Amino acid sequence: MPASNRATSSGELSTEPAPGIEGTIHQADAVTGMRRARYLGLQKTHLEHVFSAVALNLIRLDAWWNGHPLDRTRVSHLARLDLSLVV
């Protein structure tokens, strides 16, 4: 559902992106630099976005096939404290 059509619990419309998309946007920006297009013109920009999407999918497939997570999971402060007390 688009962000402009999602209602919050209080009935207001939300302008935030849908949950889970933030990581994808960050990865696309970090890997391919998609914040700014390198080329002028709609067709060239579209082609750049298509190639960037293919590159991201190949990176994700490679990580999945090799059993490597794309990013390390976050460890909370409490969990880190617990680990330091055990040692």
C-alpha atoms as a PDB file:
ATOM      1  CA  MET A   1       0.000   0.000   0.000  1.00  0.00           C
ATOM      2  CA  PRO A   2       1.486   3.388  -0.912  1.00  0.00           C
ATOM      3  CA  ALA A   3       2.635   5.540   1.962  1.00  0.00           C
ATOM      4  CA  SER A   4       0.203   8.313   1.067  1.00  0.00           C
ATOM      5  CA  ASN A   5      -2.756   5.952   1.442  1.00  0.00           C
ATOM      6  CA  ARG A   6      -1.786   4.279   4.743  1.00  0.00           C
ATOM      7  CA  ALA A   7      -3.654   5.428   7.831  1.00  0.00           C
ATOM      8  CA  THR A   8      -2.114   5.375  11.298  1.00  0.00           C
ATOM      9  CA  SER A   9      -3.908   4.109  14.394  1.00  0.00           C
ATOM     10  CA  SER A  10      -5.149   7.629  15.085  1.00  0.00           C
ATOM     11  CA  GLY A  11      -6.671   7.875  11.595  1.00  0.00           C
ATOM     12  CA  GLU A  12      -4.072  10.260  10.155  1.00  0.00           C
ATOM     13  CA  LEU A  13      -2.368   9.573   6.860  1.00  0.00           C
ATOM     14  CA  SER A  14       1.236   8.416   7.160  1.00  0.00           C
ATOM     15  CA  THR A  15       3.999   9.947   5.034  1.00  0.00           C
ATOM     16  CA  GLU A  16       6.656   7.443   6.137  1.00  0.00           C
ATOM     17  CA  PRO A  17       7.770   4.673   3.795  1.00  0.00           C
ATOM     18  CA  ALA A  18       6.327   1.213   4.265  1.00  0.00           C
ATOM     19  CA  PRO A  19       8.122  -0.959   6.858  1.00  0.00           C
ATOM     20  CA  GLY A  20      11.049  -2.905   5.452  1.00  0.00           C
ATOM     21  CA  ILE A  21      11.730  -0.625   2.496  1.00  0.00           C
ATOM     22  CA  GLU A  22      14.253   1.549   4.357  1.00  0.00           C
ATOM     23  CA  GLY A  23      16.924  -1.169   4.206  1.00  0.00           C
ATOM     24  CA  THR A  24      16.403  -1.635   0.490  1.00  0.00           C
ATOM     25  CA  ILE A  25      16.658   2.094  -0.152  1.00  0.00           C
ATOM     26  CA  HIS A  26      19.824   2.310   1.951  1.00  0.00           C
ATOM     27  CA  GLN A  27      21.391  -0.640   0.132  1.00  0.00           C
ATOM     28  CA  ALA A  28      20.540   0.834  -3.271  1.00  0.00           C
ATOM     29  CA  ASP A  29      22.050   4.157  -2.277  1.00  0.00           C
ATOM     30  CA  ALA A  30      25.179   2.644  -0.709  1.00  0.00           C
ATOM     31  CA  VAL A  31      25.921   0.140  -3.487  1.00  0.00           C
ATOM     32  CA  THR A  32      24.858   1.952  -6.639  1.00  0.00           C
ATOM     33  CA  GLY A  33      24.626   5.616  -5.631  1.00  0.00           C
ATOM     34  CA  MET A  34      21.030   5.932  -6.826  1.00  0.00           C
ATOM     35  CA  ARG A  35      20.394   9.231  -5.040  1.00  0.00           C
ATOM     36  CA  ARG A  36      21.419  11.122  -8.151  1.00  0.00           C
ATOM     37  CA  ALA A  37      21.213   9.962 -11.749  1.00  0.00           C
ATOM     38  CA  ARG A  38      24.428  10.082 -13.757  1.00  0.00           C
ATOM     39  CA  TYR A  39      22.667  10.698 -17.031  1.00  0.00           C
ATOM     40  CA  LEU A  40      20.222  13.244 -18.381  1.00  0.00           C
ATOM     41  CA  GLY A  41      17.019  12.056 -19.970  1.00  0.00           C
ATOM     42  CA  LEU A  42      14.243   9.779 -18.867  1.00  0.00           C
ATOM     43  CA  GLN A  43      15.274   6.769 -20.948  1.00  0.00           C
ATOM     44  CA  LYS A  44      18.902   6.798 -19.770  1.00  0.00           C
ATOM     45  CA  THR A  45      17.861   7.299 -16.150  1.00  0.00           C
ATOM     46  CA  HIS A  46      15.375   4.436 -16.426  1.00  0.00           C
ATOM     47  CA  LEU A  47      18.068   2.178 -17.878  1.00  0.00           C
ATOM     48  CA  GLU A  48      20.411   3.142 -15.022  1.00  0.00           C
ATOM     49  CA  HIS A  49      17.742   2.205 -12.474  1.00  0.00           C
ATOM     50  CA  VAL A  50      17.096  -1.115 -14.201  1.00  0.00           C
ATOM     51  CA  PHE A  51      20.819  -1.969 -14.164  1.00  0.00           C
ATOM     52  CA  SER A  52      21.039  -0.932 -10.510  1.00  0.00           C
ATOM     53  CA  ALA A  53      18.108  -3.192  -9.623  1.00  0.00           C
ATOM     54  CA  VAL A  54      19.725  -6.105 -11.464  1.00  0.00           C
ATOM     55  CA  ALA A  55      23.005  -5.482  -9.621  1.00  0.00           C
ATOM     56  CA  LEU A  56      21.228  -5.456  -6.236  1.00  0.00           C
ATOM     57  CA  ASN A  57      19.409  -8.683  -7.078  1.00  0.00           C
ATOM     58  CA  LEU A  58      22.690 -10.345  -8.096  1.00  0.00           C
ATOM     59  CA  ILE A  59      24.325  -9.235  -4.839  1.00  0.00           C
ATOM     60  CA  ARG A  60      21.414 -10.641  -2.855  1.00  0.00           C
ATOM     61  CA  LEU A  61      21.408 -13.918  -4.808  1.00  0.00           C
ATOM     62  CA  ASP A  62      25.150 -14.343  -4.264  1.00  0.00           C
ATOM     63  CA  ALA A  63      24.737 -13.743  -0.519  1.00  0.00           C
ATOM     64  CA  TRP A  64      21.832 -16.203  -0.355  1.00  0.00           C
ATOM     65  CA  TRP A  65      23.607 -18.914  -2.370  1.00  0.00           C
ATOM     66  CA  ASN A  66      26.762 -18.631  -0.226  1.00  0.00           C
ATOM     67  CA  GLY A  67      24.881 -18.439   3.066  1.00  0.00           C
ATOM     68  CA  HIS A  68      26.203 -14.994   3.983  1.00  0.00           C
ATOM     69  CA  PRO A  69      23.779 -12.533   5.551  1.00  0.00           C
ATOM     70  CA  LEU A  70      23.571  -9.195   3.759  1.00  0.00           C
ATOM     71  CA  ASP A  71      24.064  -7.311   6.990  1.00  0.00           C
ATOM     72  CA  ARG A  72      24.894  -8.263  10.505  1.00  0.00           C
ATOM     73  CA  THR A  73      21.984  -8.278  12.893  1.00  0.00           C
ATOM     74  CA  ARG A  74      21.816  -5.685  15.610  1.00  0.00           C
ATOM     75  CA  VAL A  75      22.744  -6.783  19.139  1.00  0.00           C
ATOM     76  CA  SER A  76      21.013  -4.805  21.859  1.00  0.00           C
ATOM     77  CA  HIS A  77      22.925  -3.105  24.657  1.00  0.00           C
ATOM     78  CA  LEU A  78      21.439  -5.523  27.165  1.00  0.00           C
ATOM     79  CA  ALA A  79      22.557  -8.548  25.140  1.00  0.00           C
ATOM     80  CA  ARG A  80      26.080  -7.122  24.842  1.00  0.00           C
ATOM     81  CA  LEU A  81      26.174  -6.522  28.582  1.00  0.00           C
ATOM     82  CA  ASP A  82      25.030 -10.101  29.190  1.00  0.00           C
ATOM     83  CA  LEU A  83      27.774 -11.424  26.904  1.00  0.00           C
ATOM     84  CA  SER A  84      30.454  -9.365  28.647  1.00  0.00           C
ATOM     85  CA  LEU A  85      29.373 -10.658  32.071  1.00  0.00           C
ATOM     86  CA  VAL A  86      29.673 -14.300  30.962  1.00  0.00           C
ATOM     87  CA  VAL A  87      33.309 -13.971  29.902  1.00  0.00           C
END
